[in-house]
Amino acid sequence: MADSLAEKIARAFVAACEDELAAPKPGNVHIYAPGHGMEAADFVASANAAAPFLAAPGARVGERILGAVEATWTRVGCNTNLGIVLLCAPLAHAAMQEGPGGLAEKLATTLGALDSTDADLAFRAILRASPAGLGAAPQHDVAEPARISLLEAMALAADRDLVARQYANGFADVFGAGRAAMLRSSARGHDREMTTLQLFMSYARQFPDTHIQRKFGEKVALDALTDFREAASLLDAVDERDSMFRIALELDRSLKKSGYNPGACADLTVAALFVDYLLAILPNVHKNG
């Protein structure tokens, strides 16, 4: 019997998470080094726990988010994937929709249909995950009942959170810069791990990481951005895997020694990898690109 679309999407999500862990992303957890009290195995377990809820047939986006976060917390007892889930839930939902249009068009429809019920469910998930640096907001705080849609809530946070910004800009950084970085790396003959590293670095060299900024402040985030840009320039000059990984792991040790985790850029990396898998699935299911 052929696998259902939900099963394919769930597997694509797990594969994206595993791909992200297989690259030595500086400052973040990966198979080459743990970090911030977590190991790669925690993230693999989280991905497998969250996947069925993200790809649940007939679920609304908020239900996907809350179900995935609660399943993760039950499995590993900590917040390993809130940002990943917030990004991948609308992508999974869009991929499951019938009818004409590609993934980006269906995502736009999905985001536009989000309402206050989705916001309420997402707020519950955020409180459950208790992400580092979460403070009180002057309006529409996640600890209060939602009075606006999830899209509107994310738009209010877009200037201080890279994940929220994707909701506001239609995932432009995932479909734009992310896809472009993957194509450039593949054109240079890089394997999947090298391409994932370059994808991550494309985000880390472009944005002050908002996870670092929330936890340590703007100056630290900007200093880390400078470090990422210097390392990215070195990576641009080499195509040999061992050299690329040596450069990445050197910065990795420095960032982790200071406790700096570019988690938002890692979340975007998973989302871009997930999109890559979904785009390969959808033509064979809905006959669209």
C-alpha atoms as a PDB file:
ATOM      1  CA  MET A   1       0.000   0.000   0.000  1.00  0.00           C
ATOM      2  CA  ALA A   2       1.324   3.448  -0.907  1.00  0.00           C
ATOM      3  CA  ASP A   3       2.206   5.723   1.978  1.00  0.00           C
ATOM      4  CA  SER A   4      -0.321   8.437   2.749  1.00  0.00           C
ATOM      5  CA  LEU A   5       0.501  12.093   2.226  1.00  0.00           C
ATOM      6  CA  ALA A   6       0.537  12.578   6.010  1.00  0.00           C
ATOM      7  CA  GLU A   7       3.134   9.828   6.381  1.00  0.00           C
ATOM      8  CA  LYS A   8       5.296  11.352   3.648  1.00  0.00           C
ATOM      9  CA  ILE A   9       5.131  14.784   5.258  1.00  0.00           C
ATOM     10  CA  ALA A  10       5.940  13.357   8.694  1.00  0.00           C
ATOM     11  CA  ARG A  11       8.960  11.556   7.263  1.00  0.00           C
ATOM     12  CA  ALA A  12      10.059  14.713   5.444  1.00  0.00           C
ATOM     13  CA  PHE A  13       9.964  16.633   8.720  1.00  0.00           C
ATOM     14  CA  VAL A  14      12.087  14.050  10.523  1.00  0.00           C
ATOM     15  CA  ALA A  15      14.530  13.970   7.593  1.00  0.00           C
ATOM     16  CA  ALA A  16      14.869  17.770   7.676  1.00  0.00           C
ATOM     17  CA  CYS A  17      15.618  17.692  11.401  1.00  0.00           C
ATOM     18  CA  GLU A  18      18.174  14.920  10.944  1.00  0.00           C
ATOM     19  CA  ASP A  19      19.834  16.792   8.066  1.00  0.00           C
ATOM     20  CA  GLU A  20      20.164  19.892  10.227  1.00  0.00           C
ATOM     21  CA  LEU A  21      21.829  17.877  12.991  1.00  0.00           C
ATOM     22  CA  ALA A  22      24.294  16.281  10.543  1.00  0.00           C
ATOM     23  CA  ALA A  23      26.028  19.599   9.799  1.00  0.00           C
ATOM     24  CA  PRO A  24      28.432  21.307  12.257  1.00  0.00           C
ATOM     25  CA  LYS A  25      26.370  24.462  12.688  1.00  0.00           C
ATOM     26  CA  PRO A  26      28.473  26.823  14.828  1.00  0.00           C
ATOM     27  CA  GLY A  27      26.991  27.382  18.279  1.00  0.00           C
ATOM     28  CA  ASN A  28      24.092  25.006  17.767  1.00  0.00           C
ATOM     29  CA  VAL A  29      23.616  21.337  18.676  1.00  0.00           C
ATOM     30  CA  HIS A  30      24.768  18.802  16.072  1.00  0.00           C
ATOM     31  CA  ILE A  31      26.165  15.281  15.861  1.00  0.00           C
ATOM     32  CA  TYR A  32      29.755  16.538  16.200  1.00  0.00           C
ATOM     33  CA  ALA A  33      29.227  18.250  19.547  1.00  0.00           C
ATOM     34  CA  PRO A  34      26.465  18.717  22.132  1.00  0.00           C
ATOM     35  CA  GLY A  35      25.627  22.124  23.478  1.00  0.00           C
ATOM     36  CA  HIS A  36      23.558  24.099  25.965  1.00  0.00           C
ATOM     37  CA  GLY A  37      22.731  20.995  27.980  1.00  0.00           C
ATOM     38  CA  MET A  38      21.346  19.104  24.989  1.00  0.00           C
ATOM     39  CA  GLU A  39      22.556  16.448  22.560  1.00  0.00           C
ATOM     40  CA  ALA A  40      21.634  15.553  18.999  1.00  0.00           C
ATOM     41  CA  ALA A  41      19.716  12.504  20.249  1.00  0.00           C
ATOM     42  CA  ASP A  42      17.316  14.836  22.100  1.00  0.00           C
ATOM     43  CA  PHE A  43      16.465  16.561  18.832  1.00  0.00           C
ATOM     44  CA  VAL A  44      16.017  13.299  16.918  1.00  0.00           C
ATOM     45  CA  ALA A  45      13.646  12.061  19.619  1.00  0.00           C
ATOM     46  CA  SER A  46      11.813  15.398  19.502  1.00  0.00           C
ATOM     47  CA  ALA A  47      11.427  15.237  15.728  1.00  0.00           C
ATOM     48  CA  ASN A  48       9.947  11.757  15.857  1.00  0.00           C
ATOM     49  CA  ALA A  49       7.575  12.758  18.653  1.00  0.00           C
ATOM     50  CA  ALA A  50       6.406  15.921  16.899  1.00  0.00           C
ATOM     51  CA  ALA A  51       6.095  14.589  13.342  1.00  0.00           C
ATOM     52  CA  PRO A  52       2.713  12.798  13.602  1.00  0.00           C
ATOM     53  CA  PHE A  53       1.106  15.891  15.095  1.00  0.00           C
ATOM     54  CA  LEU A  54       2.581  18.265  12.528  1.00  0.00           C
ATOM     55  CA  ALA A  55       1.243  16.048   9.732  1.00  0.00           C
ATOM     56  CA  ALA A  56      -2.088  15.118  11.342  1.00  0.00           C
ATOM     57  CA  PRO A  57      -4.836  14.947   8.679  1.00  0.00           C
ATOM     58  CA  GLY A  58      -7.558  17.537   9.164  1.00  0.00           C
ATOM     59  CA  ALA A  59      -5.846  19.438  11.981  1.00  0.00           C
ATOM     60  CA  ARG A  60      -5.730  23.214  12.075  1.00  0.00           C
ATOM     61  CA  VAL A  61      -2.358  24.942  12.312  1.00  0.00           C
ATOM     62  CA  GLY A  62      -2.707  25.754  16.007  1.00  0.00           C
ATOM     63  CA  GLU A  63      -3.532  22.137  16.789  1.00  0.00           C
ATOM     64  CA  ARG A  64      -0.438  20.997  14.928  1.00  0.00           C
ATOM     65  CA  ILE A  65       1.721  23.400  16.939  1.00  0.00           C
ATOM     66  CA  LEU A  66       0.316  22.514  20.353  1.00  0.00           C
ATOM     67  CA  GLY A  67       0.230  18.771  19.690  1.00  0.00           C
ATOM     68  CA  ALA A  68       3.835  18.740  18.483  1.00  0.00           C
ATOM     69  CA  VAL A  69       5.125  20.812  21.404  1.00  0.00           C
ATOM     70  CA  GLU A  70       3.271  18.739  24.002  1.00  0.00           C
ATOM     71  CA  ALA A  71       4.521  15.496  22.433  1.00  0.00           C
ATOM     72  CA  THR A  72       8.074  16.865  22.449  1.00  0.00           C
ATOM     73  CA  TRP A  73       7.854  17.887  26.082  1.00  0.00           C
ATOM     74  CA  THR A  74       6.518  14.461  27.034  1.00  0.00           C
ATOM     75  CA  ARG A  75       9.370  12.758  25.161  1.00  0.00           C
ATOM     76  CA  VAL A  76      12.394  14.860  26.185  1.00  0.00           C
ATOM     77  CA  GLY A  77      11.211  17.140  28.993  1.00  0.00           C
ATOM     78  CA  CYS A  78      12.600  20.370  27.558  1.00  0.00           C
ATOM     79  CA  ASN A  79      12.188  22.857  24.720  1.00  0.00           C
ATOM     80  CA  THR A  80      14.165  21.524  21.786  1.00  0.00           C
ATOM     81  CA  ASN A  81      11.996  22.563  18.853  1.00  0.00           C
ATOM     82  CA  LEU A  82       9.456  25.339  19.511  1.00  0.00           C
ATOM     83  CA  GLY A  83      10.758  27.550  16.699  1.00  0.00           C
ATOM     84  CA  ILE A  84      11.012  24.583  14.351  1.00  0.00           C
ATOM     85  CA  VAL A  85       7.427  23.583  15.092  1.00  0.00           C
ATOM     86  CA  LEU A  86       6.121  27.140  14.688  1.00  0.00           C
ATOM     87  CA  LEU A  87       7.723  27.308  11.239  1.00  0.00           C
ATOM     88  CA  CYS A  88       6.959  23.798  10.021  1.00  0.00           C
ATOM     89  CA  ALA A  89       3.319  23.564  11.155  1.00  0.00           C
ATOM     90  CA  PRO A  90       1.971  26.004   8.529  1.00  0.00           C
ATOM     91  CA  LEU A  91       4.264  24.452   5.902  1.00  0.00           C
ATOM     92  CA  ALA A  92       2.912  20.977   6.660  1.00  0.00           C
ATOM     93  CA  HIS A  93      -0.644  22.302   6.642  1.00  0.00           C
ATOM     94  CA  ALA A  94      -0.126  23.978   3.281  1.00  0.00           C
ATOM     95  CA  ALA A  95       1.380  20.831   1.786  1.00  0.00           C
ATOM     96  CA  MET A  96      -1.720  18.843   2.734  1.00  0.00           C
ATOM     97  CA  GLN A  97      -4.145  21.133   0.929  1.00  0.00           C
ATOM     98  CA  GLU A  98      -5.727  19.962  -2.321  1.00  0.00           C
ATOM     99  CA  GLY A  99      -6.243  22.135  -5.364  1.00  0.00           C
ATOM    100  CA  PRO A 100      -4.131  24.223  -7.724  1.00  0.00           C
ATOM    101  CA  GLY A 101      -1.072  26.209  -6.787  1.00  0.00           C
ATOM    102  CA  GLY A 102       2.365  25.403  -5.469  1.00  0.00           C
ATOM    103  CA  LEU A 103       3.559  25.219  -1.900  1.00  0.00           C
ATOM    104  CA  ALA A 104       4.250  28.957  -1.559  1.00  0.00           C
ATOM    105  CA  GLU A 105       0.778  29.841  -2.814  1.00  0.00           C
ATOM    106  CA  LYS A 106      -0.869  27.340  -0.481  1.00  0.00           C
ATOM    107  CA  LEU A 107       1.209  28.641   2.384  1.00  0.00           C
ATOM    108  CA  ALA A 108      -0.017  32.182   1.715  1.00  0.00           C
ATOM    109  CA  THR A 109      -3.604  30.910   1.863  1.00  0.00           C
ATOM    110  CA  THR A 110      -2.828  29.002   5.066  1.00  0.00           C
ATOM    111  CA  LEU A 111      -1.302  32.034   6.779  1.00  0.00           C
ATOM    112  CA  GLY A 112      -4.197  34.237   5.711  1.00  0.00           C
ATOM    113  CA  ALA A 113      -6.717  31.823   7.232  1.00  0.00           C
ATOM    114  CA  LEU A 114      -5.113  31.757  10.693  1.00  0.00           C
ATOM    115  CA  ASP A 115      -7.436  33.050  13.405  1.00  0.00           C
ATOM    116  CA  SER A 116      -7.572  33.697  17.142  1.00  0.00           C
ATOM    117  CA  THR A 117      -8.172  30.006  17.871  1.00  0.00           C
ATOM    118  CA  ASP A 118      -4.849  29.203  16.197  1.00  0.00           C
ATOM    119  CA  ALA A 119      -3.279  31.985  18.244  1.00  0.00           C
ATOM    120  CA  ASP A 120      -4.716  30.602  21.492  1.00  0.00           C
ATOM    121  CA  LEU A 121      -3.352  27.134  20.735  1.00  0.00           C
ATOM    122  CA  ALA A 122       0.036  28.503  19.714  1.00  0.00           C
ATOM    123  CA  PHE A 123       0.198  30.677  22.852  1.00  0.00           C
ATOM    124  CA  ARG A 124      -0.426  27.562  24.960  1.00  0.00           C
ATOM    125  CA  ALA A 125       2.392  25.808  23.128  1.00  0.00           C
ATOM    126  CA  ILE A 126       4.779  28.725  23.705  1.00  0.00           C
ATOM    127  CA  LEU A 127       3.983  28.790  27.414  1.00  0.00           C
ATOM    128  CA  ARG A 128       4.452  25.021  27.576  1.00  0.00           C
ATOM    129  CA  ALA A 129       7.862  25.239  25.926  1.00  0.00           C
ATOM    130  CA  SER A 130       8.961  28.198  28.076  1.00  0.00           C
ATOM    131  CA  PRO A 131      11.624  29.398  25.613  1.00  0.00           C
ATOM    132  CA  ALA A 132      14.716  31.157  26.946  1.00  0.00           C
ATOM    133  CA  GLY A 133      14.373  34.921  27.096  1.00  0.00           C
ATOM    134  CA  LEU A 134      10.564  34.909  26.920  1.00  0.00           C
ATOM    135  CA  GLY A 135       9.296  38.007  28.678  1.00  0.00           C
ATOM    136  CA  ALA A 136       6.005  39.825  28.940  1.00  0.00           C
ATOM    137  CA  ALA A 137       4.729  41.694  25.906  1.00  0.00           C
ATOM    138  CA  PRO A 138       3.022  45.097  26.305  1.00  0.00           C
ATOM    139  CA  GLN A 139       0.014  43.814  24.366  1.00  0.00           C
ATOM    140  CA  HIS A 140      -1.307  40.439  23.211  1.00  0.00           C
ATOM    141  CA  ASP A 141       0.943  38.596  25.659  1.00  0.00           C
ATOM    142  CA  VAL A 142       1.026  34.813  25.221  1.00  0.00           C
ATOM    143  CA  ALA A 143      -0.046  34.375  28.857  1.00  0.00           C
ATOM    144  CA  GLU A 144      -3.399  35.998  28.057  1.00  0.00           C
ATOM    145  CA  PRO A 145      -6.281  34.769  25.861  1.00  0.00           C
ATOM    146  CA  ALA A 146      -5.729  35.644  22.216  1.00  0.00           C
ATOM    147  CA  ARG A 147      -7.766  38.522  20.858  1.00  0.00           C
ATOM    148  CA  ILE A 148      -6.137  38.602  17.425  1.00  0.00           C
ATOM    149  CA  SER A 149      -5.191  36.037  14.799  1.00  0.00           C
ATOM    150  CA  LEU A 150      -1.945  34.089  14.949  1.00  0.00           C
ATOM    151  CA  LEU A 151      -0.749  35.937  11.844  1.00  0.00           C
ATOM    152  CA  GLU A 152      -1.427  39.298  13.498  1.00  0.00           C
ATOM    153  CA  ALA A 153       0.311  38.182  16.691  1.00  0.00           C
ATOM    154  CA  MET A 154       3.366  37.070  14.760  1.00  0.00           C
ATOM    155  CA  ALA A 155       3.437  40.343  12.818  1.00  0.00           C
ATOM    156  CA  LEU A 156       3.630  42.238  16.120  1.00  0.00           C
ATOM    157  CA  ALA A 157       6.719  40.220  17.086  1.00  0.00           C
ATOM    158  CA  ALA A 158       8.345  40.269  13.637  1.00  0.00           C
ATOM    159  CA  ASP A 159      10.874  42.982  14.478  1.00  0.00           C
ATOM    160  CA  ARG A 160      12.296  41.000  17.403  1.00  0.00           C
ATOM    161  CA  ASP A 161      11.924  37.369  16.332  1.00  0.00           C
ATOM    162  CA  LEU A 162      13.090  35.695  13.106  1.00  0.00           C
ATOM    163  CA  VAL A 163      10.482  32.945  13.360  1.00  0.00           C
ATOM    164  CA  ALA A 164       7.626  35.412  13.773  1.00  0.00           C
ATOM    165  CA  ARG A 165       9.029  37.417  10.858  1.00  0.00           C
ATOM    166  CA  GLN A 166       8.413  34.499   8.513  1.00  0.00           C
ATOM    167  CA  TYR A 167       4.693  34.592   9.224  1.00  0.00           C
ATOM    168  CA  ALA A 168       4.681  38.307   8.470  1.00  0.00           C
ATOM    169  CA  ASN A 169       6.669  38.087   5.223  1.00  0.00           C
ATOM    170  CA  GLY A 170       5.190  34.870   3.814  1.00  0.00           C
ATOM    171  CA  PHE A 171       8.306  32.836   4.680  1.00  0.00           C
ATOM    172  CA  ALA A 172      10.309  34.968   2.269  1.00  0.00           C
ATOM    173  CA  ASP A 173      13.607  34.095   3.946  1.00  0.00           C
ATOM    174  CA  VAL A 174      12.835  30.371   3.662  1.00  0.00           C
ATOM    175  CA  PHE A 175      11.718  30.362   0.033  1.00  0.00           C
ATOM    176  CA  GLY A 176      14.131  33.109  -1.000  1.00  0.00           C
ATOM    177  CA  ALA A 177      17.536  33.243   0.682  1.00  0.00           C
ATOM    178  CA  GLY A 178      17.288  29.686   1.971  1.00  0.00           C
ATOM    179  CA  ARG A 179      16.482  28.095  -1.379  1.00  0.00           C
ATOM    180  CA  ALA A 180      19.112  30.229  -3.104  1.00  0.00           C
ATOM    181  CA  ALA A 181      21.823  29.171  -0.635  1.00  0.00           C
ATOM    182  CA  MET A 182      21.006  25.493  -1.137  1.00  0.00           C
ATOM    183  CA  LEU A 183      21.117  25.820  -4.914  1.00  0.00           C
ATOM    184  CA  ARG A 184      24.444  27.674  -4.819  1.00  0.00           C
ATOM    185  CA  SER A 185      25.989  25.046  -2.579  1.00  0.00           C
ATOM    186  CA  SER A 186      24.696  22.162  -4.682  1.00  0.00           C
ATOM    187  CA  ALA A 187      26.059  23.845  -7.803  1.00  0.00           C
ATOM    188  CA  ARG A 188      29.502  23.832  -6.158  1.00  0.00           C
ATOM    189  CA  GLY A 189      29.240  20.059  -5.793  1.00  0.00           C
ATOM    190  CA  HIS A 190      28.672  20.044  -2.042  1.00  0.00           C
ATOM    191  CA  ASP A 191      27.039  17.060  -0.363  1.00  0.00           C
ATOM    192  CA  ARG A 192      23.942  17.371   1.826  1.00  0.00           C
ATOM    193  CA  GLU A 193      25.873  18.091   5.031  1.00  0.00           C
ATOM    194  CA  MET A 194      28.001  20.778   3.397  1.00  0.00           C
ATOM    195  CA  THR A 195      24.910  22.296   1.796  1.00  0.00           C
ATOM    196  CA  THR A 196      23.139  22.345   5.160  1.00  0.00           C
ATOM    197  CA  LEU A 197      26.121  24.106   6.722  1.00  0.00           C
ATOM    198  CA  GLN A 198      26.109  26.726   3.971  1.00  0.00           C
ATOM    199  CA  LEU A 199      22.338  27.125   4.361  1.00  0.00           C
ATOM    200  CA  PHE A 200      22.711  27.762   8.080  1.00  0.00           C
ATOM    201  CA  MET A 201      25.584  30.174   7.507  1.00  0.00           C
ATOM    202  CA  SER A 202      23.551  32.074   4.920  1.00  0.00           C
ATOM    203  CA  TYR A 203      21.129  32.953   7.713  1.00  0.00           C
ATOM    204  CA  ALA A 204      23.726  33.441  10.445  1.00  0.00           C
ATOM    205  CA  ARG A 205      25.737  35.899   8.300  1.00  0.00           C
ATOM    206  CA  GLN A 206      22.610  37.849   7.320  1.00  0.00           C
ATOM    207  CA  PHE A 207      20.683  38.274  10.579  1.00  0.00           C
ATOM    208  CA  PRO A 208      21.609  39.004  14.185  1.00  0.00           C
ATOM    209  CA  ASP A 209      20.209  35.847  15.742  1.00  0.00           C
ATOM    210  CA  THR A 210      17.110  36.788  17.715  1.00  0.00           C
ATOM    211  CA  HIS A 211      17.504  33.873  20.125  1.00  0.00           C
ATOM    212  CA  ILE A 212      20.925  35.207  21.128  1.00  0.00           C
ATOM    213  CA  GLN A 213      19.528  38.740  21.224  1.00  0.00           C
ATOM    214  CA  ARG A 214      16.642  37.816  23.554  1.00  0.00           C
ATOM    215  CA  LYS A 215      18.964  36.044  25.960  1.00  0.00           C
ATOM    216  CA  PHE A 216      22.103  38.207  25.883  1.00  0.00           C
ATOM    217  CA  GLY A 217      21.148  41.521  24.291  1.00  0.00           C
ATOM    218  CA  GLU A 218      21.667  43.324  20.996  1.00  0.00           C
ATOM    219  CA  LYS A 219      25.414  43.930  21.350  1.00  0.00           C
ATOM    220  CA  VAL A 220      26.200  40.255  21.840  1.00  0.00           C
ATOM    221  CA  ALA A 221      23.983  39.340  18.881  1.00  0.00           C
ATOM    222  CA  LEU A 222      25.796  41.853  16.680  1.00  0.00           C
ATOM    223  CA  ASP A 223      29.201  40.648  17.848  1.00  0.00           C
ATOM    224  CA  ALA A 224      28.167  37.078  16.989  1.00  0.00           C
ATOM    225  CA  LEU A 225      26.989  38.296  13.586  1.00  0.00           C
ATOM    226  CA  THR A 226      30.492  39.668  12.943  1.00  0.00           C
ATOM    227  CA  ASP A 227      32.008  36.321  13.897  1.00  0.00           C
ATOM    228  CA  PHE A 228      29.615  34.495  11.584  1.00  0.00           C
ATOM    229  CA  ARG A 229      30.411  36.807   8.686  1.00  0.00           C
ATOM    230  CA  GLU A 230      34.140  36.232   9.118  1.00  0.00           C
ATOM    231  CA  ALA A 231      33.684  32.452   9.225  1.00  0.00           C
ATOM    232  CA  ALA A 232      31.291  32.524   6.273  1.00  0.00           C
ATOM    233  CA  SER A 233      33.867  34.377   4.189  1.00  0.00           C
ATOM    234  CA  LEU A 234      36.389  31.646   4.969  1.00  0.00           C
ATOM    235  CA  LEU A 235      33.858  28.989   3.992  1.00  0.00           C
ATOM    236  CA  ASP A 236      33.193  30.771   0.688  1.00  0.00           C
ATOM    237  CA  ALA A 237      36.841  30.284  -0.228  1.00  0.00           C
ATOM    238  CA  VAL A 238      36.967  26.495   0.199  1.00  0.00           C
ATOM    239  CA  ASP A 239      35.143  23.506  -1.263  1.00  0.00           C
ATOM    240  CA  GLU A 240      36.856  20.723   0.635  1.00  0.00           C
ATOM    241  CA  ARG A 241      34.636  19.117   3.280  1.00  0.00           C
ATOM    242  CA  ASP A 242      37.249  18.711   6.017  1.00  0.00           C
ATOM    243  CA  SER A 243      38.365  22.324   5.678  1.00  0.00           C
ATOM    244  CA  MET A 244      34.794  23.586   5.812  1.00  0.00           C
ATOM    245  CA  PHE A 245      34.028  21.537   8.908  1.00  0.00           C
ATOM    246  CA  ARG A 246      37.260  22.640  10.621  1.00  0.00           C
ATOM    247  CA  ILE A 247      36.302  26.306  10.139  1.00  0.00           C
ATOM    248  CA  ALA A 248      32.786  25.679  11.409  1.00  0.00           C
ATOM    249  CA  LEU A 249      33.866  23.670  14.449  1.00  0.00           C
ATOM    250  CA  GLU A 250      36.401  26.293  15.489  1.00  0.00           C
ATOM    251  CA  LEU A 251      33.648  28.899  15.684  1.00  0.00           C
ATOM    252  CA  ASP A 252      31.365  26.307  17.273  1.00  0.00           C
ATOM    253  CA  ARG A 253      33.719  25.868  20.220  1.00  0.00           C
ATOM    254  CA  SER A 254      34.053  29.619  20.725  1.00  0.00           C
ATOM    255  CA  LEU A 255      30.306  30.285  20.705  1.00  0.00           C
ATOM    256  CA  LYS A 256      29.473  27.390  23.001  1.00  0.00           C
ATOM    257  CA  LYS A 257      32.176  28.430  25.463  1.00  0.00           C
ATOM    258  CA  SER A 258      30.244  31.704  25.835  1.00  0.00           C
ATOM    259  CA  GLY A 259      26.852  29.965  25.862  1.00  0.00           C
ATOM    260  CA  TYR A 260      25.686  31.614  22.633  1.00  0.00           C
ATOM    261  CA  ASN A 261      23.128  29.533  20.696  1.00  0.00           C
ATOM    262  CA  PRO A 262      22.006  30.839  17.273  1.00  0.00           C
ATOM    263  CA  GLY A 263      18.752  28.933  17.621  1.00  0.00           C
ATOM    264  CA  ALA A 264      16.639  31.132  15.367  1.00  0.00           C
ATOM    265  CA  CYS A 265      18.979  30.591  12.411  1.00  0.00           C
ATOM    266  CA  ALA A 266      18.894  26.857  13.112  1.00  0.00           C
ATOM    267  CA  ASP A 267      15.076  26.966  13.072  1.00  0.00           C
ATOM    268  CA  LEU A 268      15.110  28.669   9.669  1.00  0.00           C
ATOM    269  CA  THR A 269      17.547  26.019   8.450  1.00  0.00           C
ATOM    270  CA  VAL A 270      15.141  23.196   9.338  1.00  0.00           C
ATOM    271  CA  ALA A 271      12.270  25.033   7.656  1.00  0.00           C
ATOM    272  CA  ALA A 272      14.250  25.466   4.426  1.00  0.00           C
ATOM    273  CA  LEU A 273      15.258  21.796   4.456  1.00  0.00           C
ATOM    274  CA  PHE A 274      11.623  20.815   5.096  1.00  0.00           C
ATOM    275  CA  VAL A 275      10.519  22.920   2.119  1.00  0.00           C
ATOM    276  CA  ASP A 276      13.128  21.180  -0.020  1.00  0.00           C
ATOM    277  CA  TYR A 277      11.627  17.803   0.851  1.00  0.00           C
ATOM    278  CA  LEU A 278       8.037  19.013   0.436  1.00  0.00           C
ATOM    279  CA  LEU A 279       8.740  20.391  -3.033  1.00  0.00           C
ATOM    280  CA  ALA A 280       9.964  16.935  -4.032  1.00  0.00           C
ATOM    281  CA  ILE A 281       6.821  15.299  -2.633  1.00  0.00           C
ATOM    282  CA  LEU A 282       4.084  17.581  -3.903  1.00  0.00           C
ATOM    283  CA  PRO A 283       4.413  17.153  -7.695  1.00  0.00           C
ATOM    284  CA  ASN A 284       3.829  13.440  -7.223  1.00  0.00           C
ATOM    285  CA  VAL A 285       0.810  13.959  -5.006  1.00  0.00           C
ATOM    286  CA  HIS A 286      -1.080  17.039  -6.143  1.00  0.00           C
ATOM    287  CA  LYS A 287       0.522  17.381  -9.579  1.00  0.00           C
ATOM    288  CA  ASN A 288       1.873  20.821  -8.828  1.00  0.00           C
ATOM    289  CA  GLY A 289       5.231  22.401  -8.088  1.00  0.00           C
END
